[in-house]
């Protein structure tokens, strides 16, 4: 199944969210604060995708928050996508 993800390349990109995002991919290592802000400002959020190296360092508290918020955590990478051209990518899940 293909799903469109909003690409978040930096903390600055978090400020540009409109609150309608359902699927987000982090290209940087998000802090707990970044993830809490994302959940707070995107009430329709369903999925967060992280590269495997970032997923391994995610705290248990953050994983529990995602689980209780019914947000699926997906492990995966996006290669060769240029966010200066398009902030969205279609991903097979």
PDB file of N, CA and C in Angstrom:
ATOM      1  N   UNK A   1       0.844  -1.170   0.000  1.00  0.00           N
ATOM      2  CA  UNK A   1       0.000   0.000   0.000  1.00  0.00           C
ATOM      3  C   UNK A   1       0.896   1.241   0.000  1.00  0.00           C
ATOM      4  N   UNK A   2       0.586   2.199  -0.853  1.00  0.00           N
ATOM      5  CA  UNK A   2       1.343   3.444  -0.912  1.00  0.00           C
ATOM      6  C   UNK A   2       0.635   4.514  -0.091  1.00  0.00           C
ATOM      7  N   UNK A   3       1.433   5.241   0.686  1.00  0.00           N
ATOM      8  CA  UNK A   3       0.919   6.293   1.552  1.00  0.00           C
ATOM      9  C   UNK A   3       1.783   7.536   1.356  1.00  0.00           C
ATOM     10  N   UNK A   4       1.170   8.714   1.362  1.00  0.00           N
ATOM     11  CA  UNK A   4       1.912   9.966   1.225  1.00  0.00           C
ATOM     12  C   UNK A   4       2.358  10.433   2.607  1.00  0.00           C
ATOM     13  N   UNK A   5       3.661  10.678   2.741  1.00  0.00           N
ATOM     14  CA  UNK A   5       4.256  11.145   3.993  1.00  0.00           C
ATOM     15  C   UNK A   5       4.760  12.564   3.834  1.00  0.00           C
ATOM     16  N   UNK A   6       4.585  13.378   4.872  1.00  0.00           N
ATOM     17  CA  UNK A   6       5.167  14.713   4.924  1.00  0.00           C
ATOM     18  C   UNK A   6       6.582  14.543   5.430  1.00  0.00           C
ATOM     19  N   UNK A   7       7.559  15.078   4.712  1.00  0.00           N
ATOM     20  CA  UNK A   7       8.963  14.961   5.073  1.00  0.00           C
ATOM     21  C   UNK A   7       9.342  16.102   6.003  1.00  0.00           C
ATOM     22  N   UNK A   8       9.892  15.754   7.162  1.00  0.00           N
ATOM     23  CA  UNK A   8      10.379  16.738   8.123  1.00  0.00           C
ATOM     24  C   UNK A   8      11.899  16.632   8.120  1.00  0.00           C
ATOM     25  N   UNK A   9      12.571  17.637   7.561  1.00  0.00           N
ATOM     26  CA  UNK A   9      14.015  17.596   7.419  1.00  0.00           C
ATOM     27  C   UNK A   9      14.778  18.263   8.545  1.00  0.00           C
ATOM     28  N   UNK A  10      14.085  19.109   9.328  1.00  0.00           N
ATOM     29  CA  UNK A  10      14.750  19.824  10.418  1.00  0.00           C
ATOM     30  C   UNK A  10      13.698  20.321  11.406  1.00  0.00           C
ATOM     31  N   UNK A  11      14.161  20.849  12.520  1.00  0.00           N
ATOM     32  CA  UNK A  11      13.235  21.403  13.503  1.00  0.00           C
ATOM     33  C   UNK A  11      12.466  22.577  12.915  1.00  0.00           C
ATOM     34  N   UNK A  12      13.071  23.302  11.994  1.00  0.00           N
ATOM     35  CA  UNK A  12      12.397  24.432  11.350  1.00  0.00           C
ATOM     36  C   UNK A  12      11.160  23.972  10.577  1.00  0.00           C
ATOM     37  N   UNK A  13      11.216  22.777   9.985  1.00  0.00           N
ATOM     38  CA  UNK A  13      10.074  22.244   9.236  1.00  0.00           C
ATOM     39  C   UNK A  13       8.875  21.982  10.137  1.00  0.00           C
ATOM     40  N   UNK A  14       9.115  21.717  11.414  1.00  0.00           N
ATOM     41  CA  UNK A  14       8.011  21.482  12.348  1.00  0.00           C
ATOM     42  C   UNK A  14       7.131  22.725  12.482  1.00  0.00           C
ATOM     43  N   UNK A  15       7.739  23.907  12.315  1.00  0.00           N
ATOM     44  CA  UNK A  15       6.995  25.157  12.440  1.00  0.00           C
ATOM     45  C   UNK A  15       6.071  25.389  11.253  1.00  0.00           C
ATOM     46  N   UNK A  16       6.336  24.706  10.140  1.00  0.00           N
ATOM     47  CA  UNK A  16       5.547  24.888   8.920  1.00  0.00           C
ATOM     48  C   UNK A  16       4.371  23.934   8.797  1.00  0.00           C
ATOM     49  N   UNK A  17       4.172  23.068   9.773  1.00  0.00           N
ATOM     50  CA  UNK A  17       3.074  22.098   9.688  1.00  0.00           C
ATOM     51  C   UNK A  17       1.733  22.806   9.825  1.00  0.00           C
ATOM     52  N   UNK A  18       0.740  22.298   9.108  1.00  0.00           N
ATOM     53  CA  UNK A  18      -0.577  22.926   9.153  1.00  0.00           C
ATOM     54  C   UNK A  18      -1.574  22.184  10.042  1.00  0.00           C
ATOM     55  N   UNK A  19      -1.146  21.101  10.672  1.00  0.00           N
ATOM     56  CA  UNK A  19      -2.018  20.365  11.583  1.00  0.00           C
ATOM     57  C   UNK A  19      -2.859  19.299  10.908  1.00  0.00           C
ATOM     58  N   UNK A  20      -2.761  19.188   9.588  1.00  0.00           N
ATOM     59  CA  UNK A  20      -3.556  18.207   8.852  1.00  0.00           C
ATOM     60  C   UNK A  20      -2.770  16.944   8.515  1.00  0.00           C
ATOM     61  N   UNK A  21      -1.511  16.895   8.908  1.00  0.00           N
ATOM     62  CA  UNK A  21      -0.660  15.757   8.570  1.00  0.00           C
ATOM     63  C   UNK A  21      -1.151  14.485   9.245  1.00  0.00           C
ATOM     64  N   UNK A  22      -1.206  13.427   8.447  1.00  0.00           N
ATOM     65  CA  UNK A  22      -1.547  12.114   8.979  1.00  0.00           C
ATOM     66  C   UNK A  22      -0.323  11.214   9.038  1.00  0.00           C
ATOM     67  N   UNK A  23       0.656  11.460   8.162  1.00  0.00           N
ATOM     68  CA  UNK A  23       1.851  10.627   8.061  1.00  0.00           C
ATOM     69  C   UNK A  23       3.073  11.537   7.960  1.00  0.00           C
ATOM     70  N   UNK A  24       4.067  11.268   8.795  1.00  0.00           N
ATOM     71  CA  UNK A  24       5.262  12.102   8.844  1.00  0.00           C
ATOM     72  C   UNK A  24       6.507  11.225   8.831  1.00  0.00           C
ATOM     73  N   UNK A  25       7.522  11.655   8.063  1.00  0.00           N
ATOM     74  CA  UNK A  25       8.830  10.995   8.070  1.00  0.00           C
ATOM     75  C   UNK A  25       9.853  11.994   8.586  1.00  0.00           C
ATOM     76  N   UNK A  26      10.621  11.601   9.616  1.00  0.00           N
ATOM     77  CA  UNK A  26      11.698  12.438  10.146  1.00  0.00           C
ATOM     78  C   UNK A  26      13.010  12.081   9.455  1.00  0.00           C
ATOM     79  N   UNK A  27      13.643  13.086   8.845  1.00  0.00           N
ATOM     80  CA  UNK A  27      14.956  12.891   8.229  1.00  0.00           C
ATOM     81  C   UNK A  27      16.076  13.230   9.211  1.00  0.00           C
ATOM     82  N   UNK A  28      15.724  13.731  10.363  1.00  0.00           N
ATOM     83  CA  UNK A  28      16.714  14.036  11.394  1.00  0.00           C
ATOM     84  C   UNK A  28      16.311  13.298  12.665  1.00  0.00           C
ATOM     85  N   UNK A  29      17.220  13.236  13.619  1.00  0.00           N
ATOM     86  CA  UNK A  29      16.933  12.533  14.867  1.00  0.00           C
ATOM     87  C   UNK A  29      16.060  13.437  15.738  1.00  0.00           C
ATOM     88  N   UNK A  30      14.770  13.124  15.864  1.00  0.00           N
ATOM     89  CA  UNK A  30      13.883  13.993  16.646  1.00  0.00           C
ATOM     90  C   UNK A  30      14.089  13.789  18.149  1.00  0.00           C
ATOM     91  N   UNK A  31      14.006  14.880  18.864  1.00  0.00           N
ATOM     92  CA  UNK A  31      14.047  14.789  20.322  1.00  0.00           C
ATOM     93  C   UNK A  31      12.643  14.451  20.810  1.00  0.00           C
ATOM     94  N   UNK A  32      12.530  14.121  22.084  1.00  0.00           N
ATOM     95  CA  UNK A  32      11.208  13.868  22.650  1.00  0.00           C
ATOM     96  C   UNK A  32      10.338  15.110  22.493  1.00  0.00           C
ATOM     97  N   UNK A  33      10.939  16.262  22.689  1.00  0.00           N
ATOM     98  CA  UNK A  33      10.209  17.525  22.556  1.00  0.00           C
ATOM     99  C   UNK A  33       9.653  17.671  21.140  1.00  0.00           C
ATOM    100  N   UNK A  34      10.448  17.330  20.120  1.00  0.00           N
ATOM    101  CA  UNK A  34       9.982  17.417  18.730  1.00  0.00           C
ATOM    102  C   UNK A  34       8.772  16.529  18.498  1.00  0.00           C
ATOM    103  N   UNK A  35       8.811  15.324  19.015  1.00  0.00           N
ATOM    104  CA  UNK A  35       7.707  14.389  18.824  1.00  0.00           C
ATOM    105  C   UNK A  35       6.477  14.842  19.607  1.00  0.00           C
ATOM    106  N   UNK A  36       6.658  15.338  20.823  1.00  0.00           N
ATOM    107  CA  UNK A  36       5.529  15.840  21.611  1.00  0.00           C
ATOM    108  C   UNK A  36       4.868  17.019  20.897  1.00  0.00           C
ATOM    109  N   UNK A  37       5.675  17.929  20.327  1.00  0.00           N
ATOM    110  CA  UNK A  37       5.134  19.067  19.588  1.00  0.00           C
ATOM    111  C   UNK A  37       4.354  18.600  18.362  1.00  0.00           C
ATOM    112  N   UNK A  38       4.900  17.624  17.664  1.00  0.00           N
ATOM    113  CA  UNK A  38       4.227  17.088  16.483  1.00  0.00           C
ATOM    114  C   UNK A  38       2.859  16.521  16.848  1.00  0.00           C
ATOM    115  N   UNK A  39       2.800  15.748  17.911  1.00  0.00           N
ATOM    116  CA  UNK A  39       1.530  15.162  18.348  1.00  0.00           C
ATOM    117  C   UNK A  39       0.545  16.249  18.776  1.00  0.00           C
ATOM    118  N   UNK A  40       1.051  17.253  19.448  1.00  0.00           N
ATOM    119  CA  UNK A  40       0.209  18.346  19.929  1.00  0.00           C
ATOM    120  C   UNK A  40      -0.414  19.137  18.773  1.00  0.00           C
ATOM    121  N   UNK A  41       0.372  19.432  17.736  1.00  0.00           N
ATOM    122  CA  UNK A  41      -0.098  20.288  16.647  1.00  0.00           C
ATOM    123  C   UNK A  41      -0.665  19.527  15.448  1.00  0.00           C
ATOM    124  N   UNK A  42      -0.608  18.215  15.469  1.00  0.00           N
ATOM    125  CA  UNK A  42      -1.160  17.406  14.375  1.00  0.00           C
ATOM    126  C   UNK A  42      -2.095  16.343  14.956  1.00  0.00           C
ATOM    127  N   UNK A  43      -3.307  16.730  15.296  1.00  0.00           N
ATOM    128  CA  UNK A  43      -4.227  15.788  15.947  1.00  0.00           C
ATOM    129  C   UNK A  43      -4.661  14.623  15.056  1.00  0.00           C
ATOM    130  N   UNK A  44      -4.497  14.742  13.732  1.00  0.00           N
ATOM    131  CA  UNK A  44      -4.890  13.673  12.813  1.00  0.00           C
ATOM    132  C   UNK A  44      -3.759  12.681  12.549  1.00  0.00           C
ATOM    133  N   UNK A  45      -2.636  12.844  13.222  1.00  0.00           N
ATOM    134  CA  UNK A  45      -1.454  12.024  12.979  1.00  0.00           C
ATOM    135  C   UNK A  45      -1.742  10.540  13.188  1.00  0.00           C
ATOM    136  N   UNK A  46      -1.361   9.718  12.195  1.00  0.00           N
ATOM    137  CA  UNK A  46      -1.566   8.273  12.258  1.00  0.00           C
ATOM    138  C   UNK A  46      -0.254   7.494  12.274  1.00  0.00           C
ATOM    139  N   UNK A  47       0.773   8.007  11.553  1.00  0.00           N
ATOM    140  CA  UNK A  47       2.029   7.265  11.417  1.00  0.00           C
ATOM    141  C   UNK A  47       3.224   8.210  11.478  1.00  0.00           C
ATOM    142  N   UNK A  48       4.287   7.726  12.119  1.00  0.00           N
ATOM    143  CA  UNK A  48       5.585   8.402  12.095  1.00  0.00           C
ATOM    144  C   UNK A  48       6.593   7.377  11.592  1.00  0.00           C
ATOM    145  N   UNK A  49       7.365   7.779  10.604  1.00  0.00           N
ATOM    146  CA  UNK A  49       8.417   6.899  10.091  1.00  0.00           C
ATOM    147  C   UNK A  49       9.777   7.485  10.470  1.00  0.00           C
ATOM    148  N   UNK A  50      10.651   6.605  10.955  1.00  0.00           N
ATOM    149  CA  UNK A  50      12.020   6.971  11.342  1.00  0.00           C
ATOM    150  C   UNK A  50      13.001   5.992  10.728  1.00  0.00           C
ATOM    151  N   UNK A  51      14.204   6.468  10.360  1.00  0.00           N
ATOM    152  CA  UNK A  51      15.252   5.518   9.967  1.00  0.00           C
ATOM    153  C   UNK A  51      15.575   4.586  11.135  1.00  0.00           C
ATOM    154  N   UNK A  52      16.060   3.402  10.840  1.00  0.00           N
ATOM    155  CA  UNK A  52      16.289   2.400  11.889  1.00  0.00           C
ATOM    156  C   UNK A  52      17.263   2.880  12.961  1.00  0.00           C
ATOM    157  N   UNK A  53      18.287   3.634  12.577  1.00  0.00           N
ATOM    158  CA  UNK A  53      19.257   4.103  13.577  1.00  0.00           C
ATOM    159  C   UNK A  53      18.610   5.071  14.561  1.00  0.00           C
ATOM    160  N   UNK A  54      17.644   5.878  14.104  1.00  0.00           N
ATOM    161  CA  UNK A  54      16.947   6.804  14.990  1.00  0.00           C
ATOM    162  C   UNK A  54      15.938   6.053  15.862  1.00  0.00           C
ATOM    163  N   UNK A  55      15.323   5.048  15.286  1.00  0.00           N
ATOM    164  CA  UNK A  55      14.333   4.252  16.024  1.00  0.00           C
ATOM    165  C   UNK A  55      14.967   3.578  17.230  1.00  0.00           C
ATOM    166  N   UNK A  56      16.189   3.121  17.060  1.00  0.00           N
ATOM    167  CA  UNK A  56      16.882   2.419  18.148  1.00  0.00           C
ATOM    168  C   UNK A  56      17.135   3.316  19.350  1.00  0.00           C
ATOM    169  N   UNK A  57      17.226   4.626  19.145  1.00  0.00           N
ATOM    170  CA  UNK A  57      17.536   5.537  20.241  1.00  0.00           C
ATOM    171  C   UNK A  57      16.295   6.216  20.824  1.00  0.00           C
ATOM    172  N   UNK A  58      15.125   5.861  20.335  1.00  0.00           N
ATOM    173  CA  UNK A  58      13.885   6.446  20.829  1.00  0.00           C
ATOM    174  C   UNK A  58      13.607   5.931  22.241  1.00  0.00           C
ATOM    175  N   UNK A  59      13.231   6.811  23.123  1.00  0.00           N
ATOM    176  CA  UNK A  59      13.003   6.414  24.517  1.00  0.00           C
ATOM    177  C   UNK A  59      11.722   5.595  24.662  1.00  0.00           C
ATOM    178  N   UNK A  60      11.681   4.819  25.714  1.00  0.00           N
ATOM    179  CA  UNK A  60      10.500   4.027  26.024  1.00  0.00           C
ATOM    180  C   UNK A  60       9.288   4.909  26.296  1.00  0.00           C
ATOM    181  N   UNK A  61       9.517   6.065  26.904  1.00  0.00           N
ATOM    182  CA  UNK A  61       8.432   7.003  27.182  1.00  0.00           C
ATOM    183  C   UNK A  61       7.791   7.490  25.888  1.00  0.00           C
ATOM    184  N   UNK A  62       8.625   7.824  24.915  1.00  0.00           N
ATOM    185  CA  UNK A  62       8.114   8.301  23.628  1.00  0.00           C
ATOM    186  C   UNK A  62       7.355   7.196  22.909  1.00  0.00           C
ATOM    187  N   UNK A  63       7.886   5.979  22.930  1.00  0.00           N
ATOM    188  CA  UNK A  63       7.189   4.850  22.298  1.00  0.00           C
ATOM    189  C   UNK A  63       5.844   4.602  22.961  1.00  0.00           C
ATOM    190  N   UNK A  64       5.791   4.735  24.273  1.00  0.00           N
ATOM    191  CA  UNK A  64       4.539   4.535  25.003  1.00  0.00           C
ATOM    192  C   UNK A  64       3.533   5.635  24.654  1.00  0.00           C
ATOM    193  N   UNK A  65       4.004   6.874  24.551  1.00  0.00           N
ATOM    194  CA  UNK A  65       3.121   7.973  24.173  1.00  0.00           C
ATOM    195  C   UNK A  65       2.522   7.735  22.790  1.00  0.00           C
ATOM    196  N   UNK A  66       3.345   7.298  21.835  1.00  0.00           N
ATOM    197  CA  UNK A  66       2.855   7.019  20.489  1.00  0.00           C
ATOM    198  C   UNK A  66       1.818   5.899  20.518  1.00  0.00           C
ATOM    199  N   UNK A  67       2.099   4.881  21.295  1.00  0.00           N
ATOM    200  CA  UNK A  67       1.176   3.746  21.382  1.00  0.00           C
ATOM    201  C   UNK A  67      -0.164   4.167  21.982  1.00  0.00           C
ATOM    202  N   UNK A  68      -0.137   4.933  23.069  1.00  0.00           N
ATOM    203  CA  UNK A  68      -1.383   5.366  23.708  1.00  0.00           C
ATOM    204  C   UNK A  68      -2.127   6.397  22.861  1.00  0.00           C
ATOM    205  N   UNK A  69      -1.423   7.080  21.966  1.00  0.00           N
ATOM    206  CA  UNK A  69      -2.046   8.045  21.061  1.00  0.00           C
ATOM    207  C   UNK A  69      -2.497   7.388  19.752  1.00  0.00           C
ATOM    208  N   UNK A  70      -2.339   6.068  19.661  1.00  0.00           N
ATOM    209  CA  UNK A  70      -2.700   5.309  18.454  1.00  0.00           C
ATOM    210  C   UNK A  70      -1.954   5.789  17.217  1.00  0.00           C
ATOM    211  N   UNK A  71      -0.668   6.094  17.397  1.00  0.00           N
ATOM    212  CA  UNK A  71       0.193   6.505  16.294  1.00  0.00           C
ATOM    213  C   UNK A  71       1.165   5.377  16.030  1.00  0.00           C
ATOM    214  N   UNK A  72       1.149   4.875  14.804  1.00  0.00           N
ATOM    215  CA  UNK A  72       2.001   3.750  14.438  1.00  0.00           C
ATOM    216  C   UNK A  72       3.415   4.256  14.145  1.00  0.00           C
ATOM    217  N   UNK A  73       4.404   3.577  14.707  1.00  0.00           N
ATOM    218  CA  UNK A  73       5.805   3.906  14.475  1.00  0.00           C
ATOM    219  C   UNK A  73       6.353   2.945  13.427  1.00  0.00           C
ATOM    220  N   UNK A  74       6.827   3.498  12.316  1.00  0.00           N
ATOM    221  CA  UNK A  74       7.326   2.703  11.200  1.00  0.00           C
ATOM    222  C   UNK A  74       8.814   2.956  11.040  1.00  0.00           C
ATOM    223  N   UNK A  75       9.561   1.895  10.767  1.00  0.00           N
ATOM    224  CA  UNK A  75      10.995   2.012  10.532  1.00  0.00           C
ATOM    225  C   UNK A  75      11.227   1.989   9.026  1.00  0.00           C
ATOM    226  N   UNK A  76      11.949   2.979   8.520  1.00  0.00           N
ATOM    227  CA  UNK A  76      12.243   3.013   7.095  1.00  0.00           C
ATOM    228  C   UNK A  76      12.986   4.281   6.707  1.00  0.00           C
ATOM    229  N   UNK A  77      13.607   4.227   5.545  1.00  0.00           N
ATOM    230  CA  UNK A  77      14.385   5.353   5.023  1.00  0.00           C
ATOM    231  C   UNK A  77      13.772   5.865   3.730  1.00  0.00           C
ATOM    232  N   UNK A  78      14.048   7.110   3.451  1.00  0.00           N
ATOM    233  CA  UNK A  78      13.707   7.698   2.155  1.00  0.00           C
ATOM    234  C   UNK A  78      15.026   8.126   1.530  1.00  0.00           C
ATOM    235  N   UNK A  79      15.350   7.550   0.395  1.00  0.00           N
ATOM    236  CA  UNK A  79      16.629   7.846  -0.265  1.00  0.00           C
ATOM    237  C   UNK A  79      16.397   8.697  -1.501  1.00  0.00           C
ATOM    238  N   UNK A  80      17.218   9.708  -1.665  1.00  0.00           N
ATOM    239  CA  UNK A  80      17.215  10.506  -2.878  1.00  0.00           C
ATOM    240  C   UNK A  80      16.079  11.495  -3.012  1.00  0.00           C
ATOM    241  N   UNK A  81      15.344  11.723  -1.947  1.00  0.00           N
ATOM    242  CA  UNK A  81      14.232  12.669  -2.018  1.00  0.00           C
ATOM    243  C   UNK A  81      14.735  14.065  -1.677  1.00  0.00           C
ATOM    244  N   UNK A  82      14.403  15.035  -2.505  1.00  0.00           N
ATOM    245  CA  UNK A  82      14.825  16.419  -2.282  1.00  0.00           C
ATOM    246  C   UNK A  82      13.661  17.223  -1.733  1.00  0.00           C
ATOM    247  N   UNK A  83      13.800  17.642  -0.481  1.00  0.00           N
ATOM    248  CA  UNK A  83      12.711  18.390   0.150  1.00  0.00           C
ATOM    249  C   UNK A  83      12.620  19.815  -0.389  1.00  0.00           C
ATOM    250  N   UNK A  84      13.662  20.298  -1.056  1.00  0.00           N
ATOM    251  CA  UNK A  84      13.560  21.627  -1.651  1.00  0.00           C
ATOM    252  C   UNK A  84      12.636  21.623  -2.871  1.00  0.00           C
ATOM    253  N   UNK A  85      12.390  20.463  -3.450  1.00  0.00           N
ATOM    254  CA  UNK A  85      11.486  20.339  -4.587  1.00  0.00           C
ATOM    255  C   UNK A  85      10.077  19.931  -4.172  1.00  0.00           C
ATOM    256  N   UNK A  86       9.976  19.047  -3.186  1.00  0.00           N
ATOM    257  CA  UNK A  86       8.677  18.556  -2.748  1.00  0.00           C
ATOM    258  C   UNK A  86       8.771  18.103  -1.296  1.00  0.00           C
ATOM    259  N   UNK A  87       7.835  18.568  -0.471  1.00  0.00           N
ATOM    260  CA  UNK A  87       7.847  18.209   0.952  1.00  0.00           C
ATOM    261  C   UNK A  87       7.104  16.923   1.254  1.00  0.00           C
ATOM    262  N   UNK A  88       6.610  16.268   0.201  1.00  0.00           N
ATOM    263  CA  UNK A  88       5.857  15.022   0.385  1.00  0.00           C
ATOM    264  C   UNK A  88       6.493  13.905  -0.434  1.00  0.00           C
ATOM    265  N   UNK A  89       6.376  12.678   0.061  1.00  0.00           N
ATOM    266  CA  UNK A  89       6.886  11.505  -0.657  1.00  0.00           C
ATOM    267  C   UNK A  89       5.881  10.365  -0.508  1.00  0.00           C
ATOM    268  N   UNK A  90       5.728   9.601  -1.570  1.00  0.00           N
ATOM    269  CA  UNK A  90       4.847   8.443  -1.536  1.00  0.00           C
ATOM    270  C   UNK A  90       5.692   7.225  -1.163  1.00  0.00           C
ATOM    271  N   UNK A  91       5.269   6.517  -0.120  1.00  0.00           N
ATOM    272  CA  UNK A  91       6.058   5.445   0.452  1.00  0.00           C
ATOM    273  C   UNK A  91       5.217   4.172   0.516  1.00  0.00           C
ATOM    274  N   UNK A  92       5.836   3.033   0.176  1.00  0.00           N
ATOM    275  CA  UNK A  92       5.186   1.739   0.346  1.00  0.00           C
ATOM    276  C   UNK A  92       5.297   1.327   1.811  1.00  0.00           C
ATOM    277  N   UNK A  93       4.158   0.956   2.404  1.00  0.00           N
ATOM    278  CA  UNK A  93       4.204   0.467   3.794  1.00  0.00           C
ATOM    279  C   UNK A  93       3.585  -0.914   3.856  1.00  0.00           C
TER     280      UNK A  93
END
